[in-house]
């Protein structure tokens, strides 16, 4: 590897370290829980945003978030995921699905409320900002591509082996992989890569979160 194939030594090492990161997290998820995780593997630490004890539900669009908060408080994860999706559709004046251009102008106030509610009631395991942190750590400055998106899906449980899951196979449980929820807005059964579908929608959301300082 010192010289690499056709002078691509640094390229090989860069992608090798990226692959090691993916395998570490995936291995951590399938470890027998009876074994001591600390003795097997130490997954990379990911910083978690601090969730305020009391969330101000002041929507820029007049949305009432009390129903979503109640569902999350009772850990009704699937219903909360659906309500999150329906609320975002309503804010964007859409009916069946969200577009990249909808996410690009999504109100920061509402995006923050949704994210903070998910963070608070999942004990900071679920939420858009958690998904973004995992993606950013994996991304590490790479140009967006299908391989990167597939690895991300594997880490948060949106992908099994070499196949992407359908929405009806999503895990609506607190024991789901970190960052697994919310997922309804990404239309998992219509999984897409570069240039369209789920990947482009998530990439747009990650950009919007950054602009909103979330």
N, C-alpha and C. Protein backbone atom coordinates (compact mmCIF):
# COMPACT_ATOMS: atom_id res chain seq x y z
N UNK A 1 0.82 -1.22 0.00
CA UNK A 1 0.00 0.00 0.00
C UNK A 1 0.85 1.27 0.00
N UNK A 2 2.17 1.10 0.17
CA UNK A 2 3.01 2.29 0.23
C UNK A 2 2.88 3.14 -1.03
N UNK A 3 2.86 2.46 -2.16
CA UNK A 3 2.75 3.18 -3.43
C UNK A 3 1.35 3.12 -4.00
N UNK A 4 0.62 2.06 -3.67
CA UNK A 4 -0.75 1.95 -4.14
C UNK A 4 -0.82 1.58 -5.60
N UNK A 5 -2.03 1.38 -6.05
CA UNK A 5 -2.24 1.04 -7.45
C UNK A 5 -2.19 2.30 -8.30
N UNK A 6 -1.23 2.35 -9.20
CA UNK A 6 -1.05 3.51 -10.10
C UNK A 6 -0.93 4.81 -9.31
N UNK A 7 -0.17 4.75 -8.20
CA UNK A 7 0.06 5.97 -7.43
C UNK A 7 -1.10 6.40 -6.56
N UNK A 8 -2.05 5.51 -6.32
CA UNK A 8 -3.26 5.86 -5.57
C UNK A 8 -3.18 5.40 -4.11
N UNK A 9 -1.99 5.35 -3.53
CA UNK A 9 -1.84 4.88 -2.17
C UNK A 9 -2.68 5.66 -1.17
N UNK A 10 -2.64 6.99 -1.25
CA UNK A 10 -3.40 7.82 -0.30
C UNK A 10 -4.90 7.61 -0.49
N UNK A 11 -5.32 7.40 -1.72
CA UNK A 11 -6.74 7.17 -2.01
C UNK A 11 -7.20 5.88 -1.34
N UNK A 12 -6.38 4.82 -1.45
CA UNK A 12 -6.73 3.53 -0.86
C UNK A 12 -6.81 3.64 0.67
N UNK A 13 -5.83 4.29 1.27
CA UNK A 13 -5.82 4.43 2.73
C UNK A 13 -7.01 5.23 3.20
N UNK A 14 -7.35 6.30 2.48
CA UNK A 14 -8.50 7.14 2.86
C UNK A 14 -9.78 6.32 2.91
N UNK A 15 -10.01 5.51 1.89
CA UNK A 15 -11.23 4.73 1.84
C UNK A 15 -11.18 3.52 2.77
N UNK A 16 -9.99 3.03 3.06
CA UNK A 16 -9.87 1.95 4.04
C UNK A 16 -10.29 2.43 5.42
N UNK A 17 -9.83 3.61 5.82
CA UNK A 17 -10.21 4.14 7.14
C UNK A 17 -11.70 4.42 7.21
N UNK A 18 -12.28 4.88 6.11
CA UNK A 18 -13.72 5.11 6.06
C UNK A 18 -14.49 3.81 6.24
N UNK A 19 -13.97 2.74 5.61
CA UNK A 19 -14.64 1.45 5.68
C UNK A 19 -14.54 0.86 7.10
N UNK A 20 -13.40 1.08 7.75
CA UNK A 20 -13.22 0.61 9.12
C UNK A 20 -14.26 1.24 10.03
N UNK A 21 -14.51 2.53 9.84
CA UNK A 21 -15.51 3.23 10.65
C UNK A 21 -16.88 2.59 10.50
N UNK A 22 -17.26 2.30 9.26
CA UNK A 22 -18.56 1.67 9.00
C UNK A 22 -18.64 0.30 9.67
N UNK A 23 -17.59 -0.49 9.52
CA UNK A 23 -17.60 -1.84 10.08
C UNK A 23 -17.62 -1.83 11.60
N UNK A 24 -16.98 -0.85 12.22
CA UNK A 24 -17.00 -0.74 13.67
C UNK A 24 -18.41 -0.58 14.19
N UNK A 25 -19.14 0.37 13.61
CA UNK A 25 -20.50 0.64 14.08
C UNK A 25 -21.42 -0.53 13.78
N UNK A 26 -21.30 -1.11 12.59
CA UNK A 26 -22.16 -2.23 12.23
C UNK A 26 -21.89 -3.42 13.15
N UNK A 27 -20.62 -3.69 13.44
CA UNK A 27 -20.28 -4.81 14.31
C UNK A 27 -20.84 -4.57 15.71
N UNK A 28 -20.78 -3.34 16.16
CA UNK A 28 -21.28 -3.00 17.50
C UNK A 28 -22.77 -3.29 17.61
N UNK A 29 -23.51 -3.13 16.52
CA UNK A 29 -24.95 -3.32 16.54
C UNK A 29 -25.34 -4.80 16.62
N UNK A 30 -24.48 -5.69 16.13
CA UNK A 30 -24.87 -7.11 16.08
C UNK A 30 -24.20 -7.95 17.16
N UNK A 31 -23.48 -7.28 18.06
CA UNK A 31 -22.81 -7.99 19.14
C UNK A 31 -23.84 -8.61 20.09
N UNK A 32 -23.57 -9.81 20.55
CA UNK A 32 -24.42 -10.44 21.57
C UNK A 32 -24.41 -9.56 22.80
N UNK A 33 -25.60 -9.10 23.22
CA UNK A 33 -25.70 -8.16 24.32
C UNK A 33 -25.23 -8.75 25.64
N UNK A 34 -25.07 -10.07 25.74
CA UNK A 34 -24.59 -10.68 26.98
C UNK A 34 -23.10 -10.48 27.16
N UNK A 35 -22.42 -10.12 26.07
CA UNK A 35 -21.00 -9.90 26.14
C UNK A 35 -20.72 -8.46 26.50
N UNK A 36 -19.56 -8.21 27.05
CA UNK A 36 -19.18 -6.85 27.39
C UNK A 36 -18.75 -6.12 26.14
N UNK A 37 -19.48 -5.09 25.78
CA UNK A 37 -19.17 -4.33 24.57
C UNK A 37 -17.78 -3.73 24.66
N UNK A 38 -17.43 -3.26 25.86
CA UNK A 38 -16.15 -2.58 26.03
C UNK A 38 -14.97 -3.50 25.72
N UNK A 39 -15.17 -4.81 25.93
CA UNK A 39 -14.07 -5.73 25.68
C UNK A 39 -13.98 -6.14 24.23
N UNK A 40 -14.98 -5.78 23.43
CA UNK A 40 -15.00 -6.19 22.02
C UNK A 40 -14.67 -5.04 21.09
N UNK A 41 -15.32 -3.91 21.31
CA UNK A 41 -15.14 -2.79 20.38
C UNK A 41 -15.58 -1.49 21.02
N UNK A 42 -14.93 -0.44 20.73
CA UNK A 42 -15.32 0.87 21.21
C UNK A 42 -15.73 1.72 20.01
N UNK A 43 -17.04 1.88 19.75
CA UNK A 43 -17.48 2.66 18.59
C UNK A 43 -17.06 4.11 18.73
N UNK A 44 -16.82 4.80 17.63
CA UNK A 44 -16.41 6.20 17.68
C UNK A 44 -17.44 7.04 18.42
N UNK A 45 -16.94 7.93 19.25
CA UNK A 45 -17.84 8.81 20.01
C UNK A 45 -18.42 9.87 19.09
N UNK A 46 -19.70 10.13 19.23
CA UNK A 46 -20.37 11.16 18.43
C UNK A 46 -21.01 12.15 19.38
N UNK A 47 -20.69 13.41 19.24
CA UNK A 47 -21.24 14.42 20.14
C UNK A 47 -22.75 14.53 19.94
N UNK A 48 -23.44 14.82 21.02
CA UNK A 48 -24.90 14.92 20.97
C UNK A 48 -25.31 16.32 21.41
N UNK A 49 -26.20 16.99 20.66
CA UNK A 49 -26.64 18.32 21.04
C UNK A 49 -27.42 18.27 22.34
N UNK A 50 -27.28 19.30 23.14
CA UNK A 50 -27.99 19.37 24.40
C UNK A 50 -29.44 19.77 24.16
N UNK A 51 -30.36 18.98 24.70
CA UNK A 51 -31.78 19.25 24.54
C UNK A 51 -32.28 20.06 25.73
N UNK A 52 -32.92 21.18 25.50
CA UNK A 52 -33.42 21.99 26.61
C UNK A 52 -34.51 21.25 27.37
N UNK A 53 -34.61 21.47 28.69
CA UNK A 53 -35.62 20.77 29.49
C UNK A 53 -37.05 21.10 29.07
N UNK A 54 -37.24 22.32 28.57
CA UNK A 54 -38.57 22.74 28.12
C UNK A 54 -38.46 23.29 26.71
N UNK A 55 -39.22 22.72 25.79
CA UNK A 55 -39.14 23.12 24.39
C UNK A 55 -40.23 24.14 24.07
N UNK A 56 -39.84 25.23 23.48
CA UNK A 56 -40.79 26.26 23.08
C UNK A 56 -41.44 25.87 21.75
N UNK A 57 -42.73 25.55 21.79
CA UNK A 57 -43.42 25.07 20.59
C UNK A 57 -43.99 26.24 19.78
N UNK A 58 -43.12 27.16 19.38
CA UNK A 58 -43.55 28.34 18.63
C UNK A 58 -43.28 28.12 17.14
N UNK A 59 -44.30 27.66 16.46
CA UNK A 59 -44.18 27.36 15.03
C UNK A 59 -44.24 28.62 14.18
N UNK A 60 -43.44 28.64 13.11
CA UNK A 60 -43.49 29.76 12.18
C UNK A 60 -44.73 29.68 11.29
N UNK A 61 -45.38 28.51 11.29
CA UNK A 61 -46.54 28.29 10.43
C UNK A 61 -47.81 28.03 11.23
N UNK A 62 -47.77 28.30 12.52
CA UNK A 62 -48.96 28.10 13.34
C UNK A 62 -49.32 26.64 13.60
N UNK A 63 -48.35 25.76 13.54
CA UNK A 63 -48.59 24.34 13.75
C UNK A 63 -48.70 24.03 15.25
N UNK A 64 -49.66 23.20 15.61
CA UNK A 64 -49.82 22.75 16.99
C UNK A 64 -49.07 21.43 17.15
N UNK A 65 -48.01 21.44 17.93
CA UNK A 65 -47.16 20.26 18.08
C UNK A 65 -47.49 19.43 19.31
N UNK A 66 -48.58 19.73 19.99
CA UNK A 66 -48.90 18.99 21.22
C UNK A 66 -49.20 17.52 20.96
N UNK A 67 -49.82 17.22 19.83
CA UNK A 67 -50.12 15.82 19.51
C UNK A 67 -48.83 15.04 19.28
N UNK A 68 -47.90 15.62 18.52
CA UNK A 68 -46.62 14.96 18.28
C UNK A 68 -45.88 14.77 19.60
N UNK A 69 -45.88 15.77 20.44
CA UNK A 69 -45.19 15.66 21.73
C UNK A 69 -45.81 14.55 22.58
N UNK A 70 -47.13 14.45 22.58
CA UNK A 70 -47.80 13.43 23.37
C UNK A 70 -47.45 12.03 22.87
N UNK A 71 -47.42 11.84 21.56
CA UNK A 71 -47.08 10.53 20.98
C UNK A 71 -45.65 10.14 21.33
N UNK A 72 -44.74 11.10 21.24
CA UNK A 72 -43.35 10.82 21.56
C UNK A 72 -43.17 10.54 23.06
N UNK A 73 -43.90 11.27 23.87
CA UNK A 73 -43.83 11.06 25.31
C UNK A 73 -44.27 9.64 25.68
N UNK A 74 -45.26 9.13 24.95
CA UNK A 74 -45.78 7.78 25.20
C UNK A 74 -45.03 6.72 24.40
N UNK A 75 -43.98 7.14 23.69
CA UNK A 75 -43.14 6.26 22.88
C UNK A 75 -43.94 5.53 21.80
N UNK A 76 -44.90 6.22 21.25
CA UNK A 76 -45.65 5.70 20.11
C UNK A 76 -44.88 6.10 18.84
N UNK A 77 -43.78 5.41 18.60
CA UNK A 77 -42.81 5.85 17.60
C UNK A 77 -43.37 5.87 16.18
N UNK A 78 -44.12 4.86 15.79
CA UNK A 78 -44.63 4.83 14.42
C UNK A 78 -45.64 5.94 14.18
N UNK A 79 -46.56 6.12 15.12
CA UNK A 79 -47.55 7.18 14.98
C UNK A 79 -46.86 8.55 14.96
N UNK A 80 -45.84 8.71 15.80
CA UNK A 80 -45.10 9.97 15.83
C UNK A 80 -44.37 10.21 14.52
N UNK A 81 -43.85 9.13 13.94
CA UNK A 81 -43.15 9.24 12.65
C UNK A 81 -44.11 9.68 11.55
N UNK A 82 -45.30 9.11 11.56
CA UNK A 82 -46.31 9.47 10.55
C UNK A 82 -46.77 10.91 10.74
N UNK A 83 -47.00 11.31 12.00
CA UNK A 83 -47.43 12.67 12.28
C UNK A 83 -46.33 13.68 11.89
N UNK A 84 -45.09 13.31 12.12
CA UNK A 84 -43.97 14.17 11.71
C UNK A 84 -44.01 14.40 10.21
N UNK A 85 -44.20 13.32 9.47
CA UNK A 85 -44.27 13.41 8.01
C UNK A 85 -45.47 14.26 7.57
N UNK A 86 -46.64 14.01 8.14
CA UNK A 86 -47.85 14.76 7.76
C UNK A 86 -47.72 16.24 8.12
N UNK A 87 -47.07 16.52 9.23
CA UNK A 87 -46.87 17.91 9.64
C UNK A 87 -45.96 18.63 8.66
N UNK A 88 -44.89 17.96 8.23
CA UNK A 88 -43.97 18.58 7.28
C UNK A 88 -44.63 18.77 5.92
N UNK A 89 -45.49 17.83 5.53
CA UNK A 89 -46.25 18.00 4.29
C UNK A 89 -47.14 19.24 4.38
N UNK A 90 -47.81 19.39 5.51
CA UNK A 90 -48.71 20.52 5.71
C UNK A 90 -47.95 21.85 5.65
N UNK A 91 -46.80 21.89 6.28
CA UNK A 91 -46.00 23.13 6.28
C UNK A 91 -45.57 23.49 4.87
N UNK A 92 -45.25 22.48 4.07
CA UNK A 92 -44.78 22.70 2.70
C UNK A 92 -45.91 22.75 1.67
N UNK A 93 -47.15 22.61 2.18
CA UNK A 93 -48.32 22.61 1.29
C UNK A 93 -48.23 21.52 0.23
N UNK A 94 -47.79 20.34 0.69
CA UNK A 94 -47.69 19.18 -0.19
C UNK A 94 -48.69 18.12 0.27
N UNK A 95 -48.95 17.11 -0.57
CA UNK A 95 -49.97 16.13 -0.23
C UNK A 95 -49.45 14.71 -0.06
N UNK A 96 -48.49 14.28 -0.88
CA UNK A 96 -48.05 12.89 -0.82
C UNK A 96 -46.58 12.71 -0.49
N UNK A 97 -45.74 13.65 -0.92
CA UNK A 97 -44.31 13.50 -0.68
C UNK A 97 -43.65 14.87 -0.66
N UNK A 98 -42.46 14.91 -0.10
CA UNK A 98 -41.69 16.15 -0.03
C UNK A 98 -40.65 16.17 -1.15
N UNK A 99 -40.34 17.36 -1.62
CA UNK A 99 -39.33 17.53 -2.65
C UNK A 99 -38.10 18.20 -2.04
N UNK A 100 -36.99 18.10 -2.74
CA UNK A 100 -35.76 18.74 -2.28
C UNK A 100 -35.98 20.24 -2.11
N UNK A 101 -36.69 20.85 -3.03
CA UNK A 101 -36.92 22.30 -2.94
C UNK A 101 -37.79 22.67 -1.75
N UNK A 102 -38.62 21.74 -1.27
CA UNK A 102 -39.42 22.01 -0.07
C UNK A 102 -38.52 22.06 1.16
N UNK A 103 -37.61 21.11 1.24
CA UNK A 103 -36.69 21.05 2.38
C UNK A 103 -35.77 22.26 2.39
N UNK A 104 -35.37 22.74 1.21
CA UNK A 104 -34.44 23.86 1.11
C UNK A 104 -34.97 25.14 1.75
N UNK A 105 -36.30 25.27 1.85
CA UNK A 105 -36.89 26.49 2.43
C UNK A 105 -37.73 26.19 3.67
N UNK A 106 -37.55 25.00 4.24
CA UNK A 106 -38.34 24.61 5.40
C UNK A 106 -38.02 25.54 6.56
N UNK A 107 -39.04 26.04 7.28
CA UNK A 107 -38.81 27.00 8.38
C UNK A 107 -37.89 26.42 9.45
N UNK A 108 -36.86 27.18 9.81
CA UNK A 108 -35.91 26.72 10.81
C UNK A 108 -36.60 26.49 12.17
N UNK A 109 -37.56 27.36 12.51
CA UNK A 109 -38.23 27.22 13.81
C UNK A 109 -38.93 25.87 13.92
N UNK A 110 -39.61 25.47 12.88
CA UNK A 110 -40.35 24.20 12.91
C UNK A 110 -39.42 23.01 12.82
N UNK A 111 -38.36 23.14 12.05
CA UNK A 111 -37.40 22.05 11.96
C UNK A 111 -36.74 21.81 13.32
N UNK A 112 -36.47 22.89 14.03
CA UNK A 112 -35.85 22.77 15.35
C UNK A 112 -36.82 22.15 16.37
N UNK A 113 -38.09 22.56 16.31
CA UNK A 113 -39.09 22.00 17.23
C UNK A 113 -39.20 20.49 17.04
N UNK A 114 -39.34 20.06 15.78
CA UNK A 114 -39.48 18.64 15.48
C UNK A 114 -38.26 17.87 15.97
N UNK A 115 -37.08 18.40 15.69
CA UNK A 115 -35.86 17.72 16.08
C UNK A 115 -35.73 17.65 17.60
N UNK A 116 -36.02 18.74 18.29
CA UNK A 116 -35.87 18.76 19.75
C UNK A 116 -36.87 17.82 20.43
N UNK A 117 -38.07 17.72 19.89
CA UNK A 117 -39.04 16.79 20.47
C UNK A 117 -38.57 15.34 20.34
N UNK A 118 -38.07 14.99 19.18
CA UNK A 118 -37.55 13.63 18.98
C UNK A 118 -36.35 13.37 19.89
N UNK A 119 -35.47 14.36 20.01
CA UNK A 119 -34.29 14.20 20.87
C UNK A 119 -34.69 13.99 22.32
N UNK A 120 -35.58 14.82 22.79
CA UNK A 120 -35.96 14.80 24.20
C UNK A 120 -36.59 13.48 24.61
N UNK A 121 -37.57 13.01 23.86
CA UNK A 121 -38.34 11.85 24.28
C UNK A 121 -37.72 10.51 23.87
N UNK A 122 -36.66 10.57 23.06
CA UNK A 122 -35.92 9.33 22.75
C UNK A 122 -34.62 9.27 23.55
N UNK A 123 -34.46 10.23 24.47
CA UNK A 123 -33.22 10.33 25.24
C UNK A 123 -32.03 10.51 24.31
N UNK A 124 -32.24 11.36 23.31
CA UNK A 124 -31.21 11.76 22.35
C UNK A 124 -30.68 10.60 21.50
N UNK A 125 -31.60 9.69 21.18
CA UNK A 125 -31.23 8.58 20.29
C UNK A 125 -31.76 8.80 18.89
N UNK A 126 -32.92 9.45 18.75
CA UNK A 126 -33.53 9.69 17.45
C UNK A 126 -33.63 11.19 17.18
N UNK A 127 -33.71 11.53 15.90
CA UNK A 127 -33.86 12.94 15.52
C UNK A 127 -33.04 13.24 14.27
N UNK A 128 -33.43 14.29 13.56
CA UNK A 128 -32.73 14.67 12.33
C UNK A 128 -31.27 15.05 12.62
N UNK A 129 -31.04 15.75 13.73
CA UNK A 129 -29.68 16.18 14.03
C UNK A 129 -28.78 14.99 14.36
N UNK A 130 -29.34 13.94 14.95
CA UNK A 130 -28.56 12.73 15.22
C UNK A 130 -28.16 12.08 13.90
N UNK A 131 -29.12 12.00 12.97
CA UNK A 131 -28.83 11.43 11.65
C UNK A 131 -27.74 12.23 10.95
N UNK A 132 -27.82 13.55 11.06
CA UNK A 132 -26.83 14.40 10.41
C UNK A 132 -25.44 14.20 11.01
N UNK A 133 -25.37 14.07 12.34
CA UNK A 133 -24.07 13.86 12.99
C UNK A 133 -23.42 12.57 12.51
N UNK A 134 -24.21 11.51 12.42
CA UNK A 134 -23.68 10.22 11.97
C UNK A 134 -23.22 10.33 10.52
N UNK A 135 -24.03 10.98 9.69
CA UNK A 135 -23.68 11.14 8.28
C UNK A 135 -22.42 11.98 8.12
N UNK A 136 -22.33 13.08 8.88
CA UNK A 136 -21.17 13.96 8.78
C UNK A 136 -19.90 13.25 9.20
N UNK A 137 -19.99 12.43 10.24
CA UNK A 137 -18.82 11.69 10.71
C UNK A 137 -18.36 10.68 9.66
N UNK A 138 -19.31 10.07 9.00
CA UNK A 138 -18.99 9.11 7.94
C UNK A 138 -18.50 9.82 6.69
N UNK A 139 -19.12 10.95 6.39
CA UNK A 139 -18.80 11.73 5.19
C UNK A 139 -17.34 12.19 5.21
N UNK A 140 -16.95 12.89 6.27
CA UNK A 140 -15.57 13.32 6.47
C UNK A 140 -15.00 14.03 5.24
N UNK A 141 -15.81 14.86 4.61
CA UNK A 141 -15.33 15.64 3.48
C UNK A 141 -15.41 14.97 2.13
N UNK A 142 -15.95 13.76 2.08
CA UNK A 142 -16.06 13.07 0.80
C UNK A 142 -17.10 13.75 -0.10
N UNK A 143 -16.96 13.53 -1.39
CA UNK A 143 -17.99 13.96 -2.31
C UNK A 143 -19.16 12.98 -2.21
N UNK A 144 -20.38 13.50 -2.16
CA UNK A 144 -21.56 12.65 -1.98
C UNK A 144 -21.63 11.60 -3.10
N UNK A 145 -21.87 10.34 -2.73
CA UNK A 145 -21.94 9.27 -3.72
C UNK A 145 -22.78 8.12 -3.19
N UNK A 146 -23.11 7.18 -4.05
CA UNK A 146 -23.96 6.05 -3.68
C UNK A 146 -23.34 5.19 -2.58
N UNK A 147 -22.03 4.98 -2.64
CA UNK A 147 -21.34 4.16 -1.65
C UNK A 147 -21.48 4.77 -0.26
N UNK A 148 -21.28 6.07 -0.17
CA UNK A 148 -21.40 6.77 1.10
C UNK A 148 -22.82 6.64 1.65
N UNK A 149 -23.80 6.79 0.77
CA UNK A 149 -25.20 6.69 1.18
C UNK A 149 -25.55 5.28 1.64
N UNK A 150 -25.05 4.26 0.95
CA UNK A 150 -25.30 2.88 1.34
C UNK A 150 -24.71 2.57 2.72
N UNK A 151 -23.49 3.07 2.97
CA UNK A 151 -22.85 2.85 4.27
C UNK A 151 -23.64 3.52 5.39
N UNK A 152 -24.13 4.70 5.12
CA UNK A 152 -24.94 5.42 6.10
C UNK A 152 -26.21 4.63 6.42
N UNK A 153 -26.86 4.12 5.38
CA UNK A 153 -28.08 3.33 5.58
C UNK A 153 -27.82 2.08 6.39
N UNK A 154 -26.66 1.47 6.22
CA UNK A 154 -26.30 0.28 6.97
C UNK A 154 -26.13 0.60 8.45
N UNK A 155 -25.52 1.74 8.74
CA UNK A 155 -25.26 2.13 10.13
C UNK A 155 -26.55 2.39 10.90
N UNK A 156 -27.49 3.12 10.30
CA UNK A 156 -28.69 3.50 11.06
C UNK A 156 -29.86 2.54 10.84
N UNK A 157 -29.61 1.44 10.14
CA UNK A 157 -30.63 0.41 10.01
C UNK A 157 -31.62 0.60 8.88
N UNK A 158 -31.30 1.45 7.92
CA UNK A 158 -32.17 1.62 6.76
C UNK A 158 -31.78 0.66 5.64
N UNK A 159 -30.76 -0.13 5.90
CA UNK A 159 -30.24 -1.06 4.89
C UNK A 159 -29.84 -2.34 5.59
N UNK A 160 -30.17 -3.48 4.99
CA UNK A 160 -29.78 -4.78 5.52
C UNK A 160 -28.98 -5.52 4.45
N UNK A 161 -27.72 -5.83 4.78
CA UNK A 161 -26.86 -6.48 3.80
C UNK A 161 -26.66 -5.58 2.60
N UNK A 162 -27.04 -6.07 1.42
CA UNK A 162 -26.91 -5.25 0.21
C UNK A 162 -28.26 -4.76 -0.30
N UNK A 163 -29.28 -4.77 0.59
CA UNK A 163 -30.61 -4.32 0.20
C UNK A 163 -31.13 -3.26 1.15
N UNK A 164 -31.93 -2.37 0.61
CA UNK A 164 -32.55 -1.32 1.41
C UNK A 164 -33.89 -1.80 1.93
N UNK A 165 -34.22 -1.42 3.14
CA UNK A 165 -35.47 -1.89 3.74
C UNK A 165 -36.66 -1.09 3.20
N UNK A 166 -37.83 -1.69 3.30
CA UNK A 166 -39.08 -1.00 3.01
C UNK A 166 -39.55 -0.34 4.30
N UNK A 167 -40.45 0.63 4.16
CA UNK A 167 -40.92 1.34 5.35
C UNK A 167 -41.60 0.39 6.33
N UNK A 168 -42.31 -0.61 5.82
CA UNK A 168 -43.00 -1.53 6.72
C UNK A 168 -42.03 -2.45 7.47
N UNK A 169 -40.74 -2.35 7.16
CA UNK A 169 -39.73 -3.11 7.89
C UNK A 169 -38.91 -2.21 8.82
N UNK A 170 -39.30 -0.95 8.92
CA UNK A 170 -38.61 -0.04 9.83
C UNK A 170 -38.83 -0.49 11.27
N UNK A 171 -37.93 -0.13 12.17
CA UNK A 171 -37.98 -0.57 13.56
C UNK A 171 -38.54 0.56 14.43
N UNK A 172 -39.76 0.41 14.87
CA UNK A 172 -40.39 1.44 15.70
C UNK A 172 -40.27 1.06 17.17
N UNK A 173 -39.04 1.15 17.64
CA UNK A 173 -38.73 0.72 19.00
C UNK A 173 -37.51 1.51 19.47
N UNK A 174 -37.45 1.78 20.78
CA UNK A 174 -36.33 2.54 21.32
C UNK A 174 -35.01 1.80 21.14
N UNK A 175 -35.08 0.48 20.91
CA UNK A 175 -33.88 -0.31 20.70
C UNK A 175 -33.41 -0.33 19.25
N UNK A 176 -34.06 0.44 18.40
CA UNK A 176 -33.63 0.55 17.00
C UNK A 176 -32.25 1.20 16.96
N UNK A 177 -31.50 1.03 15.88
CA UNK A 177 -30.18 1.67 15.78
C UNK A 177 -30.28 3.18 15.96
N UNK A 178 -29.27 3.76 16.51
CA UNK A 178 -29.24 5.21 16.73
C UNK A 178 -29.41 5.93 15.39
N UNK A 179 -30.34 6.89 15.37
CA UNK A 179 -30.60 7.65 14.15
C UNK A 179 -31.62 7.01 13.22
N UNK A 180 -32.18 5.87 13.61
CA UNK A 180 -33.11 5.15 12.75
C UNK A 180 -34.39 5.94 12.47
N UNK A 181 -34.82 6.74 13.43
CA UNK A 181 -36.05 7.53 13.31
C UNK A 181 -35.75 9.01 13.48
N UNK A 182 -36.59 9.89 12.89
CA UNK A 182 -37.73 9.58 12.01
C UNK A 182 -37.27 9.17 10.61
N UNK A 183 -38.14 8.43 9.92
CA UNK A 183 -37.74 7.94 8.59
C UNK A 183 -38.85 8.04 7.54
N UNK A 184 -40.09 8.30 7.94
CA UNK A 184 -41.20 8.30 6.98
C UNK A 184 -41.03 9.33 5.87
N UNK A 185 -40.47 10.48 6.19
CA UNK A 185 -40.36 11.53 5.16
C UNK A 185 -39.40 11.13 4.04
N UNK A 186 -38.52 10.14 4.31
CA UNK A 186 -37.54 9.76 3.31
C UNK A 186 -38.05 8.68 2.36
N UNK A 187 -39.31 8.27 2.53
CA UNK A 187 -39.94 7.37 1.56
C UNK A 187 -39.07 6.15 1.29
N UNK A 188 -38.82 5.36 2.32
CA UNK A 188 -37.84 4.29 2.24
C UNK A 188 -38.10 3.25 1.15
N UNK A 189 -39.37 3.02 0.83
CA UNK A 189 -39.62 2.01 -0.22
C UNK A 189 -39.29 2.55 -1.61
N UNK A 190 -39.04 3.84 -1.70
CA UNK A 190 -38.63 4.46 -2.96
C UNK A 190 -37.17 4.88 -2.87
N UNK A 191 -36.37 4.04 -2.22
CA UNK A 191 -34.97 4.38 -1.94
C UNK A 191 -34.25 4.88 -3.19
N UNK A 192 -33.57 6.01 -3.04
CA UNK A 192 -32.84 6.56 -4.19
C UNK A 192 -31.42 6.92 -3.83
N UNK A 193 -30.58 7.02 -4.79
CA UNK A 193 -29.19 7.38 -4.57
C UNK A 193 -28.89 8.77 -5.10
N UNK A 194 -27.74 8.94 -5.69
CA UNK A 194 -27.33 10.23 -6.20
C UNK A 194 -28.30 10.72 -7.28
N UNK A 195 -28.70 11.96 -7.17
CA UNK A 195 -29.54 12.55 -8.21
C UNK A 195 -31.03 12.40 -8.00
N UNK A 196 -31.48 11.70 -6.95
CA UNK A 196 -32.91 11.59 -6.75
C UNK A 196 -33.25 10.69 -5.59
N UNK A 197 -34.52 10.72 -5.18
CA UNK A 197 -35.00 9.84 -4.14
C UNK A 197 -34.52 10.18 -2.76
N UNK A 198 -34.46 9.16 -1.94
CA UNK A 198 -34.16 9.32 -0.52
C UNK A 198 -32.83 10.01 -0.26
N UNK A 199 -31.78 9.60 -0.97
CA UNK A 199 -30.47 10.17 -0.73
C UNK A 199 -30.42 11.66 -0.92
N UNK A 200 -30.97 12.14 -2.01
CA UNK A 200 -30.97 13.58 -2.30
C UNK A 200 -31.80 14.35 -1.29
N UNK A 201 -32.93 13.75 -0.86
CA UNK A 201 -33.79 14.42 0.12
C UNK A 201 -33.07 14.55 1.46
N UNK A 202 -32.39 13.49 1.88
CA UNK A 202 -31.67 13.57 3.15
C UNK A 202 -30.52 14.56 3.04
N UNK A 203 -29.81 14.55 1.94
CA UNK A 203 -28.68 15.46 1.77
C UNK A 203 -29.15 16.91 1.84
N UNK A 204 -30.33 17.18 1.28
CA UNK A 204 -30.92 18.52 1.35
C UNK A 204 -31.28 18.87 2.79
N UNK A 205 -31.83 17.88 3.52
CA UNK A 205 -32.20 18.11 4.91
C UNK A 205 -30.95 18.41 5.75
N UNK A 206 -29.88 17.66 5.52
CA UNK A 206 -28.65 17.88 6.28
C UNK A 206 -28.12 19.30 6.03
N UNK A 207 -28.23 19.75 4.79
CA UNK A 207 -27.80 21.12 4.45
C UNK A 207 -28.66 22.15 5.14
N UNK A 208 -29.97 21.88 5.19
CA UNK A 208 -30.89 22.82 5.84
C UNK A 208 -30.64 22.89 7.35
N UNK A 209 -30.36 21.73 7.95
CA UNK A 209 -30.04 21.71 9.38
C UNK A 209 -28.82 22.56 9.68
N UNK A 210 -27.82 22.47 8.81
CA UNK A 210 -26.59 23.26 9.00
C UNK A 210 -26.89 24.75 8.90
N UNK A 211 -27.72 25.14 7.92
CA UNK A 211 -28.06 26.56 7.75
C UNK A 211 -28.88 27.08 8.92
N UNK A 212 -29.65 26.20 9.54
CA UNK A 212 -30.49 26.59 10.67
C UNK A 212 -29.76 26.43 12.01
N UNK A 213 -28.49 26.06 11.94
CA UNK A 213 -27.67 25.85 13.15
C UNK A 213 -28.28 24.82 14.08
N UNK A 214 -28.77 23.74 13.51
CA UNK A 214 -29.37 22.65 14.29
C UNK A 214 -28.42 21.45 14.29
